[in-house]
C-alpha atoms as a PDB file:
ATOM      1  CA  MET A   1      -1.429  -1.302  14.677  1.00  0.00           C
ATOM      2  CA  ASN A   2       1.741   0.520  13.695  1.00  0.00           C
ATOM      3  CA  LYS A   3       4.975  -0.787  12.165  1.00  0.00           C
ATOM      4  CA  THR A   4       6.615  -1.439  15.558  1.00  0.00           C
ATOM      5  CA  GLU A   5       3.627  -3.424  16.794  1.00  0.00           C
ATOM      6  CA  LEU A   6       3.534  -5.377  13.522  1.00  0.00           C
ATOM      7  CA  THR A   7       7.234  -6.201  13.922  1.00  0.00           C
ATOM      8  CA  GLU A   8       6.723  -7.380  17.516  1.00  0.00           C
ATOM      9  CA  LYS A   9       3.739  -9.560  16.574  1.00  0.00           C
ATOM     10  CA  LEU A  10       5.642 -11.082  13.654  1.00  0.00           C
ATOM     11  CA  ALA A  11       8.576 -11.890  15.932  1.00  0.00           C
ATOM     12  CA  ALA A  12       6.301 -13.473  18.552  1.00  0.00           C
ATOM     13  CA  LYS A  13       4.265 -15.473  16.008  1.00  0.00           C
ATOM     14  CA  THR A  14       7.238 -16.870  14.077  1.00  0.00           C
ATOM     15  CA  GLY A  15       9.904 -17.097  16.771  1.00  0.00           C
ATOM     16  CA  MET A  16      12.136 -14.710  14.837  1.00  0.00           C
ATOM     17  CA  SER A  17      14.239 -12.152  16.629  1.00  0.00           C
ATOM     18  CA  LYS A  18      12.824  -8.628  16.638  1.00  0.00           C
ATOM     19  CA  ALA A  19      15.716  -7.499  14.431  1.00  0.00           C
ATOM     20  CA  ALA A  20      14.967 -10.200  11.852  1.00  0.00           C
ATOM     21  CA  ALA A  21      11.252  -9.397  11.978  1.00  0.00           C
ATOM     22  CA  LYS A  22      12.002  -5.692  11.427  1.00  0.00           C
ATOM     23  CA  ARG A  23      14.120  -6.544   8.371  1.00  0.00           C
ATOM     24  CA  ALA A  24      11.283  -8.709   7.018  1.00  0.00           C
ATOM     25  CA  VAL A  25       8.670  -5.975   7.518  1.00  0.00           C
ATOM     26  CA  ASP A  26      10.998  -3.394   5.952  1.00  0.00           C
ATOM     27  CA  ALA A  27      11.687  -5.695   2.996  1.00  0.00           C
ATOM     28  CA  LEU A  28       7.961  -5.866   2.253  1.00  0.00           C
ATOM     29  CA  PHE A  29       6.620  -2.442   3.161  1.00  0.00           C
ATOM     30  CA  SER A  30       9.424   0.117   2.937  1.00  0.00           C
ATOM     31  CA  THR A  31       8.783   3.000   0.544  1.00  0.00           C
ATOM     32  CA  ALA A  32      12.467   3.892   0.187  1.00  0.00           C
ATOM     33  CA  PRO A  33      13.800   3.370  -3.354  1.00  0.00           C
ATOM     34  CA  ARG A  34      14.945  -0.210  -4.028  1.00  0.00           C
ATOM     35  CA  GLU A  35      13.992  -1.445  -0.563  1.00  0.00           C
ATOM     36  CA  GLY A  36      10.318  -2.368  -0.284  1.00  0.00           C
ATOM     37  CA  ILE A  37       9.182  -5.230  -2.473  1.00  0.00           C
ATOM     38  CA  ILE A  38       5.550  -4.074  -2.697  1.00  0.00           C
ATOM     39  CA  ALA A  39       6.280  -0.375  -3.304  1.00  0.00           C
ATOM     40  CA  SER A  40       8.941  -1.174  -5.904  1.00  0.00           C
ATOM     41  CA  ALA A  41       6.639  -3.467  -7.863  1.00  0.00           C
ATOM     42  CA  VAL A  42       3.655  -1.104  -7.723  1.00  0.00           C
ATOM     43  CA  SER A  43       5.765   1.897  -8.766  1.00  0.00           C
ATOM     44  CA  LYS A  44       6.838  -0.029 -11.884  1.00  0.00           C
ATOM     45  CA  GLY A  45       3.189  -0.726 -12.718  1.00  0.00           C
ATOM     46  CA  ASP A  46       3.121  -4.360 -11.574  1.00  0.00           C
ATOM     47  CA  ARG A  47       0.279  -5.812  -9.526  1.00  0.00           C
ATOM     48  CA  VAL A  48       1.107  -7.499  -6.238  1.00  0.00           C
ATOM     49  CA  GLN A  49      -1.576 -10.084  -5.541  1.00  0.00           C
ATOM     50  CA  ILE A  50      -1.615 -11.887  -2.201  1.00  0.00           C
ATOM     51  CA  THR A  51      -4.309 -14.514  -2.580  1.00  0.00           C
ATOM     52  CA  GLY A  52      -7.016 -14.180   0.042  1.00  0.00           C
ATOM     53  CA  PHE A  53      -5.574 -10.935   1.422  1.00  0.00           C
ATOM     54  CA  GLY A  54      -5.702  -8.455  -1.417  1.00  0.00           C
ATOM     55  CA  THR A  55      -4.083  -6.780  -4.400  1.00  0.00           C
ATOM     56  CA  PHE A  56      -1.852  -3.723  -4.549  1.00  0.00           C
ATOM     57  CA  GLU A  57      -1.721  -1.917  -7.890  1.00  0.00           C
ATOM     58  CA  ARG A  58      -1.019   1.413  -9.556  1.00  0.00           C
ATOM     59  CA  ARG A  59      -3.936   3.274 -11.095  1.00  0.00           C
ATOM     60  CA  ASN A  60      -4.051   6.263 -13.386  1.00  0.00           C
ATOM     61  CA  ARG A  61      -6.242   9.305 -12.860  1.00  0.00           C
ATOM     62  CA  LYS A  62      -7.032  11.353 -15.976  1.00  0.00           C
ATOM     63  CA  LYS A  63      -6.459  15.080 -16.298  1.00  0.00           C
ATOM     64  CA  ARG A  64      -9.563  16.968 -15.224  1.00  0.00           C
ATOM     65  CA  THR A  65     -10.902  20.416 -14.466  1.00  0.00           C
ATOM     66  CA  GLY A  66     -11.624  21.360 -10.872  1.00  0.00           C
ATOM     67  CA  ARG A  67     -12.673  24.463  -8.981  1.00  0.00           C
ATOM     68  CA  ASN A  68     -10.712  26.557  -6.517  1.00  0.00           C
ATOM     69  CA  PRO A  69     -12.990  26.450  -3.453  1.00  0.00           C
ATOM     70  CA  GLN A  70     -12.019  29.978  -2.366  1.00  0.00           C
ATOM     71  CA  THR A  71     -12.478  31.787  -5.652  1.00  0.00           C
ATOM     72  CA  GLY A  72     -14.595  29.398  -7.704  1.00  0.00           C
ATOM     73  CA  ALA A  73     -12.121  29.734 -10.591  1.00  0.00           C
ATOM     74  CA  ALA A  74     -11.611  26.738 -12.850  1.00  0.00           C
ATOM     75  CA  ILE A  75      -8.234  25.028 -12.474  1.00  0.00           C
ATOM     76  CA  ASP A  76      -6.620  22.193 -14.400  1.00  0.00           C
ATOM     77  CA  ILE A  77      -5.768  19.158 -12.288  1.00  0.00           C
ATOM     78  CA  PRO A  78      -2.990  17.174 -13.998  1.00  0.00           C
ATOM     79  CA  ALA A  79      -3.103  13.436 -14.647  1.00  0.00           C
ATOM     80  CA  ALA A  80      -1.673  11.386 -11.785  1.00  0.00           C
ATOM     81  CA  LYS A  81      -0.665   7.859 -10.849  1.00  0.00           C
ATOM     82  CA  TYR A  82      -1.719   6.597  -7.434  1.00  0.00           C
ATOM     83  CA  PRO A  83      -1.480   3.374  -5.419  1.00  0.00           C
ATOM     84  CA  ALA A  84      -4.608   1.349  -4.752  1.00  0.00           C
ATOM     85  CA  PHE A  85      -5.445  -1.662  -2.595  1.00  0.00           C
ATOM     86  CA  MET A  86      -8.358  -4.031  -3.171  1.00  0.00           C
ATOM     87  CA  ALA A  87      -9.175  -6.381  -0.313  1.00  0.00           C
ATOM     88  CA  GLY A  88      -9.461 -10.070  -1.179  1.00  0.00           C
ATOM     89  CA  LYS A  89     -12.508 -12.215  -0.486  1.00  0.00           C
ATOM     90  CA  SER A  90     -11.025 -13.952   2.573  1.00  0.00           C
ATOM     91  CA  LEU A  91     -10.122 -10.628   4.182  1.00  0.00           C
ATOM     92  CA  LYS A  92     -13.565  -9.202   3.441  1.00  0.00           C
ATOM     93  CA  ASP A  93     -15.216 -12.309   4.909  1.00  0.00           C
ATOM     94  CA  ARG A  94     -13.025 -12.153   8.042  1.00  0.00           C
ATOM     95  CA  ILE A  95     -13.977  -8.527   8.672  1.00  0.00           C
ATOM     96  CA  GLN A  96     -17.700  -9.347   8.380  1.00  0.00           C
ATOM     97  CA  LYS A  97     -17.522 -11.803  11.302  1.00  0.00           C
END
């Protein structure tokens, strides 16, 4: 399912107009600065927990040494922050059915 399909399903399920549903989806999931609620919170280091569905959070990866696959030379991989999602119990249970 892509963003357009999600918007259409939200509009059909709630009786919202497609324009209102698109604004709602954008308000939650947009990655543009100051637009998406989830991305904004996670980028600040906050956890976004939707009970039963899952948790979005920012994780930190430590600096490490890797290998260049072409030459085999050791390279330093810098520390990084990355987004992570952990599925909630209800979502996991629903997928198992």
